[in-house]
């Protein structure tokens, strides 16, 4: 009887330990984050609640080990789903590098990649998910191919420059891989789309030309630019924290946009 009670207590303790570390701990940590308690309305509209996610780097079939995948993806899944339950954002923007080997895998492997991503980062009703392309999704500029770009665009409906408006808040998503400025087809297409969106904002401010043929904004606001590569800066020295790694200088057109 004593042995049975001991085994029961050990099993119950182990179960509680697993439940706490694999489920409840995520809620406890995330509860330290809160939306502003008294947000100010913008143009008479309630503020838009948005969550940003970046560099999920789902491991692929080439270099990814199955146990590493299992552990990483379970933790990302639980963190994300816990955040969805607690905060219920209206939109989630994933800022590129969804995949770690998206530019290397074949079509079958890519389809499996997309299915994994959608299962891991499923959003509840009322929350829209937007995915922006990164260099690990279609390759660096010098190594990408129209096929890779088309494949990503077909799965996520975004490979160029797009604008999303939510209650007067305007988000502009940019394919930063296409910002090389060397006149390639990918770059020219993205730059043309960017000029078109620029015209929309200029006309929205009342400073554009030929605005009769330009789509109108429901509500003008300064755009929030979203992309994978950061804008040019020499380094992250200005953002350095006490436990930050050694600061390295960024390379133009490699870690930052030129």
C-alpha atoms as a PDB file:
ATOM      1  CA  UNK A   1       0.000   0.000   0.000  1.00  0.00           C
ATOM      2  CA  UNK A   2       2.800   2.424   0.915  1.00  0.00           C
ATOM      3  CA  UNK A   3       4.590   1.651  -2.350  1.00  0.00           C
ATOM      4  CA  UNK A   4       1.371   2.222  -4.290  1.00  0.00           C
ATOM      5  CA  UNK A   5       0.822   5.577  -2.590  1.00  0.00           C
ATOM      6  CA  UNK A   6       4.404   6.565  -3.286  1.00  0.00           C
ATOM      7  CA  UNK A   7       4.087   5.667  -6.968  1.00  0.00           C
ATOM      8  CA  UNK A   8       0.802   7.575  -7.184  1.00  0.00           C
ATOM      9  CA  UNK A   9       2.370  10.674  -5.644  1.00  0.00           C
ATOM     10  CA  UNK A  10       5.374  10.448  -7.945  1.00  0.00           C
ATOM     11  CA  UNK A  11       3.159  10.111 -11.020  1.00  0.00           C
ATOM     12  CA  UNK A  12       0.889  12.940  -9.872  1.00  0.00           C
ATOM     13  CA  UNK A  13       3.901  15.139  -9.193  1.00  0.00           C
ATOM     14  CA  UNK A  14       5.407  14.339 -12.587  1.00  0.00           C
ATOM     15  CA  UNK A  15       2.090  15.087 -14.294  1.00  0.00           C
ATOM     16  CA  UNK A  16       1.777  18.437 -12.508  1.00  0.00           C
ATOM     17  CA  UNK A  17       5.364  19.256 -13.437  1.00  0.00           C
ATOM     18  CA  UNK A  18       4.730  18.502 -17.114  1.00  0.00           C
ATOM     19  CA  UNK A  19       1.473  20.470 -17.186  1.00  0.00           C
ATOM     20  CA  UNK A  20       3.084  23.481 -15.538  1.00  0.00           C
ATOM     21  CA  UNK A  21       6.202  23.557 -17.723  1.00  0.00           C
ATOM     22  CA  UNK A  22       4.515  22.685 -21.009  1.00  0.00           C
ATOM     23  CA  UNK A  23       1.242  24.620 -20.665  1.00  0.00           C
ATOM     24  CA  UNK A  24       0.691  26.939 -17.704  1.00  0.00           C
ATOM     25  CA  UNK A  25       4.118  28.613 -17.596  1.00  0.00           C
ATOM     26  CA  UNK A  26       3.454  30.309 -20.943  1.00  0.00           C
ATOM     27  CA  UNK A  27       0.363  32.033 -19.562  1.00  0.00           C
ATOM     28  CA  UNK A  28       2.160  33.120 -16.396  1.00  0.00           C
ATOM     29  CA  UNK A  29       4.972  34.750 -18.375  1.00  0.00           C
ATOM     30  CA  UNK A  30       2.710  36.356 -20.977  1.00  0.00           C
ATOM     31  CA  UNK A  31       0.414  37.822 -18.321  1.00  0.00           C
ATOM     32  CA  UNK A  32       3.207  40.297 -17.592  1.00  0.00           C
ATOM     33  CA  UNK A  33       2.372  41.872 -20.966  1.00  0.00           C
ATOM     34  CA  UNK A  34      -0.799  43.895 -21.382  1.00  0.00           C
ATOM     35  CA  UNK A  35      -2.435  46.149 -23.936  1.00  0.00           C
ATOM     36  CA  UNK A  36      -2.530  49.836 -22.886  1.00  0.00           C
ATOM     37  CA  UNK A  37      -5.324  50.176 -20.341  1.00  0.00           C
ATOM     38  CA  UNK A  38      -6.727  53.454 -21.682  1.00  0.00           C
ATOM     39  CA  UNK A  39      -5.744  53.777 -25.349  1.00  0.00           C
ATOM     40  CA  UNK A  40      -6.668  57.020 -27.031  1.00  0.00           C
ATOM     41  CA  UNK A  41      -9.048  56.763 -30.001  1.00  0.00           C
ATOM     42  CA  UNK A  42      -7.491  57.706 -33.343  1.00  0.00           C
ATOM     43  CA  UNK A  43      -9.727  59.768 -35.636  1.00  0.00           C
ATOM     44  CA  UNK A  44     -12.690  58.603 -33.603  1.00  0.00           C
ATOM     45  CA  UNK A  45     -11.740  54.943 -34.096  1.00  0.00           C
ATOM     46  CA  UNK A  46     -10.696  52.419 -31.508  1.00  0.00           C
ATOM     47  CA  UNK A  47      -6.951  51.602 -31.699  1.00  0.00           C
ATOM     48  CA  UNK A  48      -5.952  48.547 -33.704  1.00  0.00           C
ATOM     49  CA  UNK A  49      -4.427  45.669 -31.738  1.00  0.00           C
ATOM     50  CA  UNK A  50      -1.598  44.108 -33.743  1.00  0.00           C
ATOM     51  CA  UNK A  51       1.020  41.499 -32.892  1.00  0.00           C
ATOM     52  CA  UNK A  52       4.368  41.226 -34.698  1.00  0.00           C
ATOM     53  CA  UNK A  53       6.222  37.944 -35.118  1.00  0.00           C
ATOM     54  CA  UNK A  54       9.542  37.438 -36.894  1.00  0.00           C
ATOM     55  CA  UNK A  55      12.094  34.805 -37.858  1.00  0.00           C
ATOM     56  CA  UNK A  56      10.251  31.654 -36.872  1.00  0.00           C
ATOM     57  CA  UNK A  57      12.786  29.704 -38.999  1.00  0.00           C
ATOM     58  CA  UNK A  58      10.905  26.422 -39.053  1.00  0.00           C
ATOM     59  CA  UNK A  59      13.573  23.788 -39.528  1.00  0.00           C
ATOM     60  CA  UNK A  60      13.617  21.922 -42.818  1.00  0.00           C
ATOM     61  CA  UNK A  61      14.334  18.390 -44.030  1.00  0.00           C
ATOM     62  CA  UNK A  62      17.962  19.082 -44.940  1.00  0.00           C
ATOM     63  CA  UNK A  63      19.621  20.332 -41.751  1.00  0.00           C
ATOM     64  CA  UNK A  64      16.803  20.044 -39.227  1.00  0.00           C
ATOM     65  CA  UNK A  65      16.961  17.224 -36.664  1.00  0.00           C
ATOM     66  CA  UNK A  66      13.592  15.703 -35.782  1.00  0.00           C
ATOM     67  CA  UNK A  67      13.995  16.197 -32.016  1.00  0.00           C
ATOM     68  CA  UNK A  68      15.149  19.793 -32.450  1.00  0.00           C
ATOM     69  CA  UNK A  69      12.097  20.425 -34.641  1.00  0.00           C
ATOM     70  CA  UNK A  70       9.783  18.817 -32.109  1.00  0.00           C
ATOM     71  CA  UNK A  71      11.048  20.850 -29.170  1.00  0.00           C
ATOM     72  CA  UNK A  72      11.336  24.190 -30.948  1.00  0.00           C
ATOM     73  CA  UNK A  73       7.997  23.975 -32.681  1.00  0.00           C
ATOM     74  CA  UNK A  74       6.136  22.850 -29.583  1.00  0.00           C
ATOM     75  CA  UNK A  75       7.476  25.845 -27.649  1.00  0.00           C
ATOM     76  CA  UNK A  76       6.655  28.276 -30.462  1.00  0.00           C
ATOM     77  CA  UNK A  77       3.202  26.754 -30.834  1.00  0.00           C
ATOM     78  CA  UNK A  78       2.393  26.998 -27.130  1.00  0.00           C
ATOM     79  CA  UNK A  79       3.750  30.535 -26.840  1.00  0.00           C
ATOM     80  CA  UNK A  80       1.816  31.736 -29.875  1.00  0.00           C
ATOM     81  CA  UNK A  81      -1.458  30.029 -28.990  1.00  0.00           C
ATOM     82  CA  UNK A  82      -1.231  31.240 -25.392  1.00  0.00           C
ATOM     83  CA  UNK A  83      -0.753  34.790 -26.692  1.00  0.00           C
ATOM     84  CA  UNK A  84      -3.757  34.387 -28.995  1.00  0.00           C
ATOM     85  CA  UNK A  85      -5.907  33.257 -26.069  1.00  0.00           C
ATOM     86  CA  UNK A  86      -4.809  36.075 -23.766  1.00  0.00           C
ATOM     87  CA  UNK A  87      -4.558  39.049 -26.116  1.00  0.00           C
ATOM     88  CA  UNK A  88      -6.805  38.356 -29.131  1.00  0.00           C
ATOM     89  CA  UNK A  89      -5.061  40.704 -31.593  1.00  0.00           C
ATOM     90  CA  UNK A  90      -6.944  41.789 -34.684  1.00  0.00           C
ATOM     91  CA  UNK A  91      -3.962  41.085 -36.923  1.00  0.00           C
ATOM     92  CA  UNK A  92      -0.648  39.258 -36.753  1.00  0.00           C
ATOM     93  CA  UNK A  93       2.192  40.202 -39.096  1.00  0.00           C
ATOM     94  CA  UNK A  94       4.993  37.670 -39.575  1.00  0.00           C
ATOM     95  CA  UNK A  95       8.061  39.641 -40.684  1.00  0.00           C
ATOM     96  CA  UNK A  96       9.778  37.070 -42.859  1.00  0.00           C
ATOM     97  CA  UNK A  97      12.030  34.028 -42.552  1.00  0.00           C
ATOM     98  CA  UNK A  98       9.049  31.866 -41.802  1.00  0.00           C
ATOM     99  CA  UNK A  99      11.108  28.906 -42.976  1.00  0.00           C
ATOM    100  CA  UNK A 100      14.758  28.065 -42.467  1.00  0.00           C
ATOM    101  CA  UNK A 101      15.191  26.177 -45.753  1.00  0.00           C
ATOM    102  CA  UNK A 102      12.381  27.631 -47.858  1.00  0.00           C
ATOM    103  CA  UNK A 103      14.754  28.451 -50.716  1.00  0.00           C
ATOM    104  CA  UNK A 104      16.184  24.913 -50.851  1.00  0.00           C
ATOM    105  CA  UNK A 105      13.212  22.557 -50.583  1.00  0.00           C
ATOM    106  CA  UNK A 106      11.246  21.053 -53.469  1.00  0.00           C
ATOM    107  CA  UNK A 107       7.526  21.616 -53.989  1.00  0.00           C
ATOM    108  CA  UNK A 108       6.404  18.636 -51.909  1.00  0.00           C
ATOM    109  CA  UNK A 109       8.630  19.669 -49.019  1.00  0.00           C
ATOM    110  CA  UNK A 110       7.482  23.276 -49.355  1.00  0.00           C
ATOM    111  CA  UNK A 111       3.816  22.231 -49.170  1.00  0.00           C
ATOM    112  CA  UNK A 112       4.603  20.278 -45.998  1.00  0.00           C
ATOM    113  CA  UNK A 113       6.371  23.387 -44.654  1.00  0.00           C
ATOM    114  CA  UNK A 114       3.288  25.530 -45.288  1.00  0.00           C
ATOM    115  CA  UNK A 115       0.995  22.995 -43.607  1.00  0.00           C
ATOM    116  CA  UNK A 116       3.247  22.910 -40.531  1.00  0.00           C
ATOM    117  CA  UNK A 117       3.310  26.686 -40.317  1.00  0.00           C
ATOM    118  CA  UNK A 118      -0.476  26.959 -40.545  1.00  0.00           C
ATOM    119  CA  UNK A 119      -0.981  24.345 -37.842  1.00  0.00           C
ATOM    120  CA  UNK A 120       1.585  25.881 -35.497  1.00  0.00           C
ATOM    121  CA  UNK A 121       0.439  29.478 -35.957  1.00  0.00           C
ATOM    122  CA  UNK A 122      -3.280  29.007 -36.429  1.00  0.00           C
ATOM    123  CA  UNK A 123      -5.204  32.157 -35.538  1.00  0.00           C
ATOM    124  CA  UNK A 124      -8.704  32.283 -34.042  1.00  0.00           C
ATOM    125  CA  UNK A 125     -11.685  33.754 -35.814  1.00  0.00           C
ATOM    126  CA  UNK A 126     -11.366  37.528 -35.961  1.00  0.00           C
ATOM    127  CA  UNK A 127      -7.558  37.516 -36.167  1.00  0.00           C
ATOM    128  CA  UNK A 128      -6.011  37.904 -39.611  1.00  0.00           C
ATOM    129  CA  UNK A 129      -2.516  36.550 -40.296  1.00  0.00           C
ATOM    130  CA  UNK A 130      -0.245  38.319 -42.803  1.00  0.00           C
ATOM    131  CA  UNK A 131       3.090  36.857 -43.894  1.00  0.00           C
ATOM    132  CA  UNK A 132       5.960  38.914 -45.325  1.00  0.00           C
ATOM    133  CA  UNK A 133       8.722  37.292 -47.347  1.00  0.00           C
ATOM    134  CA  UNK A 134      12.273  36.893 -46.035  1.00  0.00           C
ATOM    135  CA  UNK A 135      15.568  35.750 -47.529  1.00  0.00           C
ATOM    136  CA  UNK A 136      15.272  32.248 -46.044  1.00  0.00           C
ATOM    137  CA  UNK A 137      11.867  31.913 -47.705  1.00  0.00           C
ATOM    138  CA  UNK A 138      12.940  32.681 -51.285  1.00  0.00           C
ATOM    139  CA  UNK A 139      16.718  33.132 -51.038  1.00  0.00           C
ATOM    140  CA  UNK A 140      18.998  36.149 -50.924  1.00  0.00           C
ATOM    141  CA  UNK A 141      18.695  38.550 -53.830  1.00  0.00           C
ATOM    142  CA  UNK A 142      21.595  37.051 -55.758  1.00  0.00           C
ATOM    143  CA  UNK A 143      20.241  33.509 -55.330  1.00  0.00           C
ATOM    144  CA  UNK A 144      16.473  33.875 -55.610  1.00  0.00           C
ATOM    145  CA  UNK A 145      14.441  32.765 -58.618  1.00  0.00           C
ATOM    146  CA  UNK A 146      11.012  33.753 -60.001  1.00  0.00           C
ATOM    147  CA  UNK A 147       9.818  30.215 -59.266  1.00  0.00           C
ATOM    148  CA  UNK A 148      10.630  30.584 -55.554  1.00  0.00           C
ATOM    149  CA  UNK A 149       8.955  33.974 -55.410  1.00  0.00           C
ATOM    150  CA  UNK A 150       5.836  32.707 -57.184  1.00  0.00           C
ATOM    151  CA  UNK A 151       5.663  29.664 -54.917  1.00  0.00           C
ATOM    152  CA  UNK A 152       5.757  31.750 -51.754  1.00  0.00           C
ATOM    153  CA  UNK A 153       3.269  34.234 -53.192  1.00  0.00           C
ATOM    154  CA  UNK A 154       0.827  31.476 -54.092  1.00  0.00           C
ATOM    155  CA  UNK A 155       0.932  30.137 -50.528  1.00  0.00           C
ATOM    156  CA  UNK A 156       0.869  33.458 -48.658  1.00  0.00           C
ATOM    157  CA  UNK A 157      -0.447  35.986 -51.198  1.00  0.00           C
ATOM    158  CA  UNK A 158       2.432  38.396 -50.644  1.00  0.00           C
ATOM    159  CA  UNK A 159       5.806  38.669 -52.383  1.00  0.00           C
ATOM    160  CA  UNK A 160       5.997  42.304 -53.404  1.00  0.00           C
ATOM    161  CA  UNK A 161       4.764  45.538 -51.858  1.00  0.00           C
ATOM    162  CA  UNK A 162       1.247  45.529 -50.422  1.00  0.00           C
ATOM    163  CA  UNK A 163      -0.870  47.804 -48.266  1.00  0.00           C
ATOM    164  CA  UNK A 164      -3.292  46.697 -45.578  1.00  0.00           C
ATOM    165  CA  UNK A 165      -5.641  49.173 -43.908  1.00  0.00           C
ATOM    166  CA  UNK A 166      -7.392  48.414 -40.632  1.00  0.00           C
ATOM    167  CA  UNK A 167      -9.692  51.144 -39.300  1.00  0.00           C
ATOM    168  CA  UNK A 168      -7.586  53.941 -40.726  1.00  0.00           C
ATOM    169  CA  UNK A 169      -4.224  52.434 -39.744  1.00  0.00           C
ATOM    170  CA  UNK A 170      -2.190  51.721 -42.876  1.00  0.00           C
ATOM    171  CA  UNK A 171       0.450  48.999 -42.970  1.00  0.00           C
ATOM    172  CA  UNK A 172       2.826  48.715 -45.936  1.00  0.00           C
ATOM    173  CA  UNK A 173       4.547  45.334 -46.323  1.00  0.00           C
ATOM    174  CA  UNK A 174       7.726  45.362 -48.419  1.00  0.00           C
ATOM    175  CA  UNK A 175       9.713  42.496 -49.897  1.00  0.00           C
ATOM    176  CA  UNK A 176      13.120  43.704 -48.752  1.00  0.00           C
ATOM    177  CA  UNK A 177      14.866  41.050 -50.879  1.00  0.00           C
ATOM    178  CA  UNK A 178      13.593  43.079 -53.856  1.00  0.00           C
ATOM    179  CA  UNK A 179      15.132  46.352 -52.635  1.00  0.00           C
ATOM    180  CA  UNK A 180      18.550  45.733 -54.214  1.00  0.00           C
ATOM    181  CA  UNK A 181      18.059  48.508 -56.770  1.00  0.00           C
ATOM    182  CA  UNK A 182      19.889  46.725 -59.584  1.00  0.00           C
ATOM    183  CA  UNK A 183      17.042  46.798 -62.098  1.00  0.00           C
ATOM    184  CA  UNK A 184      16.216  43.086 -61.931  1.00  0.00           C
ATOM    185  CA  UNK A 185      12.665  41.994 -62.696  1.00  0.00           C
ATOM    186  CA  UNK A 186      11.873  41.331 -59.033  1.00  0.00           C
ATOM    187  CA  UNK A 187      13.218  44.750 -58.038  1.00  0.00           C
ATOM    188  CA  UNK A 188      11.478  46.636 -60.844  1.00  0.00           C
ATOM    189  CA  UNK A 189       8.125  45.053 -60.015  1.00  0.00           C
ATOM    190  CA  UNK A 190       8.465  45.854 -56.306  1.00  0.00           C
ATOM    191  CA  UNK A 191       9.618  49.418 -56.990  1.00  0.00           C
ATOM    192  CA  UNK A 192       6.648  49.970 -59.305  1.00  0.00           C
ATOM    193  CA  UNK A 193       4.279  48.719 -56.598  1.00  0.00           C
ATOM    194  CA  UNK A 194       6.005  50.946 -54.044  1.00  0.00           C
ATOM    195  CA  UNK A 195       5.611  54.005 -56.276  1.00  0.00           C
ATOM    196  CA  UNK A 196       1.924  53.175 -56.671  1.00  0.00           C
ATOM    197  CA  UNK A 197       1.413  53.004 -52.910  1.00  0.00           C
ATOM    198  CA  UNK A 198       3.439  56.196 -52.485  1.00  0.00           C
ATOM    199  CA  UNK A 199       1.033  57.939 -54.862  1.00  0.00           C
ATOM    200  CA  UNK A 200      -1.916  56.763 -52.765  1.00  0.00           C
ATOM    201  CA  UNK A 201      -0.426  58.322 -49.636  1.00  0.00           C
ATOM    202  CA  UNK A 202       0.532  61.543 -51.398  1.00  0.00           C
ATOM    203  CA  UNK A 203      -2.986  61.929 -52.711  1.00  0.00           C
ATOM    204  CA  UNK A 204      -4.324  61.105 -49.263  1.00  0.00           C
ATOM    205  CA  UNK A 205      -2.301  64.035 -47.898  1.00  0.00           C
ATOM    206  CA  UNK A 206      -3.454  66.281 -50.720  1.00  0.00           C
ATOM    207  CA  UNK A 207       0.026  66.738 -52.231  1.00  0.00           C
ATOM    208  CA  UNK A 208      -0.139  64.266 -55.126  1.00  0.00           C
ATOM    209  CA  UNK A 209      -0.744  64.699 -58.843  1.00  0.00           C
ATOM    210  CA  UNK A 210      -3.227  62.918 -61.073  1.00  0.00           C
ATOM    211  CA  UNK A 211      -5.178  61.772 -58.051  1.00  0.00           C
ATOM    212  CA  UNK A 212      -8.406  61.099 -59.948  1.00  0.00           C
ATOM    213  CA  UNK A 213      -6.969  57.810 -61.181  1.00  0.00           C
ATOM    214  CA  UNK A 214      -5.389  56.882 -57.825  1.00  0.00           C
ATOM    215  CA  UNK A 215      -7.248  54.678 -55.303  1.00  0.00           C
ATOM    216  CA  UNK A 216      -8.379  56.640 -52.259  1.00  0.00           C
ATOM    217  CA  UNK A 217      -7.503  55.924 -48.661  1.00  0.00           C
ATOM    218  CA  UNK A 218     -10.457  55.517 -46.330  1.00  0.00           C
ATOM    219  CA  UNK A 219      -8.494  57.452 -43.722  1.00  0.00           C
ATOM    220  CA  UNK A 220      -5.046  58.984 -44.134  1.00  0.00           C
ATOM    221  CA  UNK A 221      -2.403  58.087 -41.574  1.00  0.00           C
ATOM    222  CA  UNK A 222       1.347  57.828 -41.778  1.00  0.00           C
ATOM    223  CA  UNK A 223       2.236  54.351 -43.042  1.00  0.00           C
ATOM    224  CA  UNK A 224       3.690  51.691 -40.785  1.00  0.00           C
ATOM    225  CA  UNK A 225       6.389  49.974 -42.867  1.00  0.00           C
ATOM    226  CA  UNK A 226       6.889  46.261 -42.289  1.00  0.00           C
ATOM    227  CA  UNK A 227       9.729  44.269 -43.849  1.00  0.00           C
ATOM    228  CA  UNK A 228      12.258  41.558 -43.080  1.00  0.00           C
ATOM    229  CA  UNK A 229      15.539  43.472 -43.410  1.00  0.00           C
ATOM    230  CA  UNK A 230      15.794  46.565 -41.205  1.00  0.00           C
ATOM    231  CA  UNK A 231      16.375  50.001 -42.664  1.00  0.00           C
ATOM    232  CA  UNK A 232      19.994  51.050 -42.890  1.00  0.00           C
ATOM    233  CA  UNK A 233      21.841  51.567 -39.626  1.00  0.00           C
ATOM    234  CA  UNK A 234      25.482  51.063 -38.825  1.00  0.00           C
ATOM    235  CA  UNK A 235      24.844  48.612 -36.009  1.00  0.00           C
ATOM    236  CA  UNK A 236      22.553  47.876 -33.074  1.00  0.00           C
ATOM    237  CA  UNK A 237      24.803  49.775 -30.674  1.00  0.00           C
ATOM    238  CA  UNK A 238      22.043  52.256 -29.825  1.00  0.00           C
ATOM    239  CA  UNK A 239      19.824  49.345 -28.745  1.00  0.00           C
ATOM    240  CA  UNK A 240      22.490  47.489 -26.764  1.00  0.00           C
ATOM    241  CA  UNK A 241      21.372  46.000 -23.465  1.00  0.00           C
ATOM    242  CA  UNK A 242      23.471  44.864 -20.549  1.00  0.00           C
ATOM    243  CA  UNK A 243      23.496  41.230 -21.687  1.00  0.00           C
ATOM    244  CA  UNK A 244      23.746  41.891 -25.437  1.00  0.00           C
ATOM    245  CA  UNK A 245      26.342  40.039 -27.521  1.00  0.00           C
ATOM    246  CA  UNK A 246      29.281  41.836 -29.086  1.00  0.00           C
ATOM    247  CA  UNK A 247      28.048  44.439 -31.558  1.00  0.00           C
ATOM    248  CA  UNK A 248      29.081  43.917 -35.171  1.00  0.00           C
ATOM    249  CA  UNK A 249      28.778  46.431 -37.986  1.00  0.00           C
ATOM    250  CA  UNK A 250      26.018  45.704 -40.475  1.00  0.00           C
ATOM    251  CA  UNK A 251      26.769  45.136 -44.150  1.00  0.00           C
ATOM    252  CA  UNK A 252      24.657  47.117 -46.604  1.00  0.00           C
ATOM    253  CA  UNK A 253      22.407  44.983 -48.806  1.00  0.00           C
ATOM    254  CA  UNK A 254      23.157  42.024 -46.565  1.00  0.00           C
ATOM    255  CA  UNK A 255      21.880  42.597 -43.028  1.00  0.00           C
ATOM    256  CA  UNK A 256      20.279  45.985 -43.748  1.00  0.00           C
ATOM    257  CA  UNK A 257      18.772  47.778 -46.718  1.00  0.00           C
ATOM    258  CA  UNK A 258      21.192  50.188 -48.367  1.00  0.00           C
END
